C-alpha atoms as a PDB file:
ATOM      1  CA  UNK A   1      37.886 110.647  76.754  1.00  0.00           C
ATOM      2  CA  UNK A   2      41.329 110.025  76.367  1.00  0.00           C
ATOM      3  CA  UNK A   3      42.937 107.840  78.936  1.00  0.00           C
ATOM      4  CA  UNK A   4      46.616 108.756  79.937  1.00  0.00           C
ATOM      5  CA  UNK A   5      49.414 107.004  81.464  1.00  0.00           C
ATOM      6  CA  UNK A   6      51.284 108.710  84.169  1.00  0.00           C
ATOM      7  CA  UNK A   7      53.750 107.871  86.430  1.00  0.00           C
ATOM      8  CA  UNK A   8      54.356 109.433  90.365  1.00  0.00           C
ATOM      9  CA  UNK A   9      57.552 111.161  91.151  1.00  0.00           C
ATOM     10  CA  UNK A  10      57.443 110.748  94.447  1.00  0.00           C
ATOM     11  CA  UNK A  11      57.173 106.536  94.707  1.00  0.00           C
ATOM     12  CA  UNK A  12      57.544 105.862  91.045  1.00  0.00           C
ATOM     13  CA  UNK A  13      54.105 104.341  91.198  1.00  0.00           C
ATOM     14  CA  UNK A  14      52.431 104.058  87.798  1.00  0.00           C
ATOM     15  CA  UNK A  15      48.569 104.582  87.017  1.00  0.00           C
ATOM     16  CA  UNK A  16      46.246 105.364  83.970  1.00  0.00           C
ATOM     17  CA  UNK A  17      43.780 107.903  84.748  1.00  0.00           C
ATOM     18  CA  UNK A  18      40.817 108.906  82.017  1.00  0.00           C
ATOM     19  CA  UNK A  19      40.721 112.773  81.733  1.00  0.00           C
ATOM     20  CA  UNK A  20      37.499 114.883  81.225  1.00  0.00           C
ATOM     21  CA  UNK A  21      39.221 118.229  81.892  1.00  0.00           C
ATOM     22  CA  UNK A  22      43.049 118.668  81.117  1.00  0.00           C
ATOM     23  CA  UNK A  23      42.877 121.693  83.974  1.00  0.00           C
ATOM     24  CA  UNK A  24      41.511 118.849  86.573  1.00  0.00           C
ATOM     25  CA  UNK A  25      45.043 118.108  88.909  1.00  0.00           C
ATOM     26  CA  UNK A  26      46.406 114.330  88.614  1.00  0.00           C
ATOM     27  CA  UNK A  27      47.421 113.003  92.037  1.00  0.00           C
ATOM     28  CA  UNK A  28      48.845 109.466  92.754  1.00  0.00           C
ATOM     29  CA  UNK A  29      46.599 106.390  93.745  1.00  0.00           C
ATOM     30  CA  UNK A  30      49.173 105.078  95.732  1.00  0.00           C
ATOM     31  CA  UNK A  31      50.654 108.118  97.989  1.00  0.00           C
ATOM     32  CA  UNK A  32      47.903 111.228  96.906  1.00  0.00           C
ATOM     33  CA  UNK A  33      51.139 113.054  95.499  1.00  0.00           C
ATOM     34  CA  UNK A  34      50.179 115.695  92.762  1.00  0.00           C
ATOM     35  CA  UNK A  35      53.734 115.030  91.259  1.00  0.00           C
ATOM     36  CA  UNK A  36      53.276 112.972  88.019  1.00  0.00           C
ATOM     37  CA  UNK A  37      54.722 113.051  84.718  1.00  0.00           C
ATOM     38  CA  UNK A  38      52.676 111.874  81.702  1.00  0.00           C
ATOM     39  CA  UNK A  39      54.124 108.457  80.075  1.00  0.00           C
ATOM     40  CA  UNK A  40      53.997 107.944  76.247  1.00  0.00           C
ATOM     41  CA  UNK A  41      51.328 104.852  75.600  1.00  0.00           C
ATOM     42  CA  UNK A  42      52.423 101.789  74.432  1.00  0.00           C
ATOM     43  CA  UNK A  43      50.246 101.850  71.549  1.00  0.00           C
ATOM     44  CA  UNK A  44      51.887 105.244  70.531  1.00  0.00           C
ATOM     45  CA  UNK A  45      54.917 103.427  69.339  1.00  0.00           C
ATOM     46  CA  UNK A  46      55.956 101.320  66.642  1.00  0.00           C
ATOM     47  CA  UNK A  47      56.477  97.618  67.716  1.00  0.00           C
ATOM     48  CA  UNK A  48      59.207  96.538  65.598  1.00  0.00           C
ATOM     49  CA  UNK A  49      60.851  97.456  62.299  1.00  0.00           C
ATOM     50  CA  UNK A  50      57.979  97.413  60.079  1.00  0.00           C
ATOM     51  CA  UNK A  51      59.333  94.443  57.936  1.00  0.00           C
ATOM     52  CA  UNK A  52      58.345  91.075  57.341  1.00  0.00           C
ATOM     53  CA  UNK A  53      59.909  88.154  55.262  1.00  0.00           C
ATOM     54  CA  UNK A  54      58.432  87.522  51.832  1.00  0.00           C
ATOM     55  CA  UNK A  55      55.722  84.761  52.532  1.00  0.00           C
ATOM     56  CA  UNK A  56      56.099  84.722  55.839  1.00  0.00           C
ATOM     57  CA  UNK A  57      53.552  83.051  58.629  1.00  0.00           C
ATOM     58  CA  UNK A  58      52.753  85.984  60.597  1.00  0.00           C
ATOM     59  CA  UNK A  59      48.857  86.127  61.151  1.00  0.00           C
ATOM     60  CA  UNK A  60      48.781  89.450  60.252  1.00  0.00           C
ATOM     61  CA  UNK A  61      50.572  89.180  56.758  1.00  0.00           C
ATOM     62  CA  UNK A  62      46.896  89.357  54.863  1.00  0.00           C
ATOM     63  CA  UNK A  63      44.553  91.824  53.984  1.00  0.00           C
ATOM     64  CA  UNK A  64      45.611  95.019  54.370  1.00  0.00           C
ATOM     65  CA  UNK A  65      45.058  98.196  56.845  1.00  0.00           C
ATOM     66  CA  UNK A  66      46.229  98.442  60.536  1.00  0.00           C
ATOM     67  CA  UNK A  67      47.601  94.977  61.614  1.00  0.00           C
ATOM     68  CA  UNK A  68      47.192  93.336  58.103  1.00  0.00           C
ATOM     69  CA  UNK A  69      50.389  94.829  56.664  1.00  0.00           C
ATOM     70  CA  UNK A  70      49.183  98.452  55.775  1.00  0.00           C
ATOM     71  CA  UNK A  71      50.480 100.034  58.492  1.00  0.00           C
ATOM     72  CA  UNK A  72      53.563  99.215  59.150  1.00  0.00           C
ATOM     73  CA  UNK A  73      53.210  97.988  63.016  1.00  0.00           C
ATOM     74  CA  UNK A  74      54.815  94.447  62.228  1.00  0.00           C
END
């Protein structure tokens, strides 16, 4: 079940919701408004420019795979 992030258009509250049915109406937990906009998740964006200095001291500089130097997130 995906977790989506929303921001209420009425009171600007940011909240998360587990979405079981995409057609279920979303309402703000603070003001109960049905006007909410889905936000881009934090982990859906890349942090940094994907490069690290040669021989750097990054804890994720060895190995491979995600966060091990192969995915480009560091």
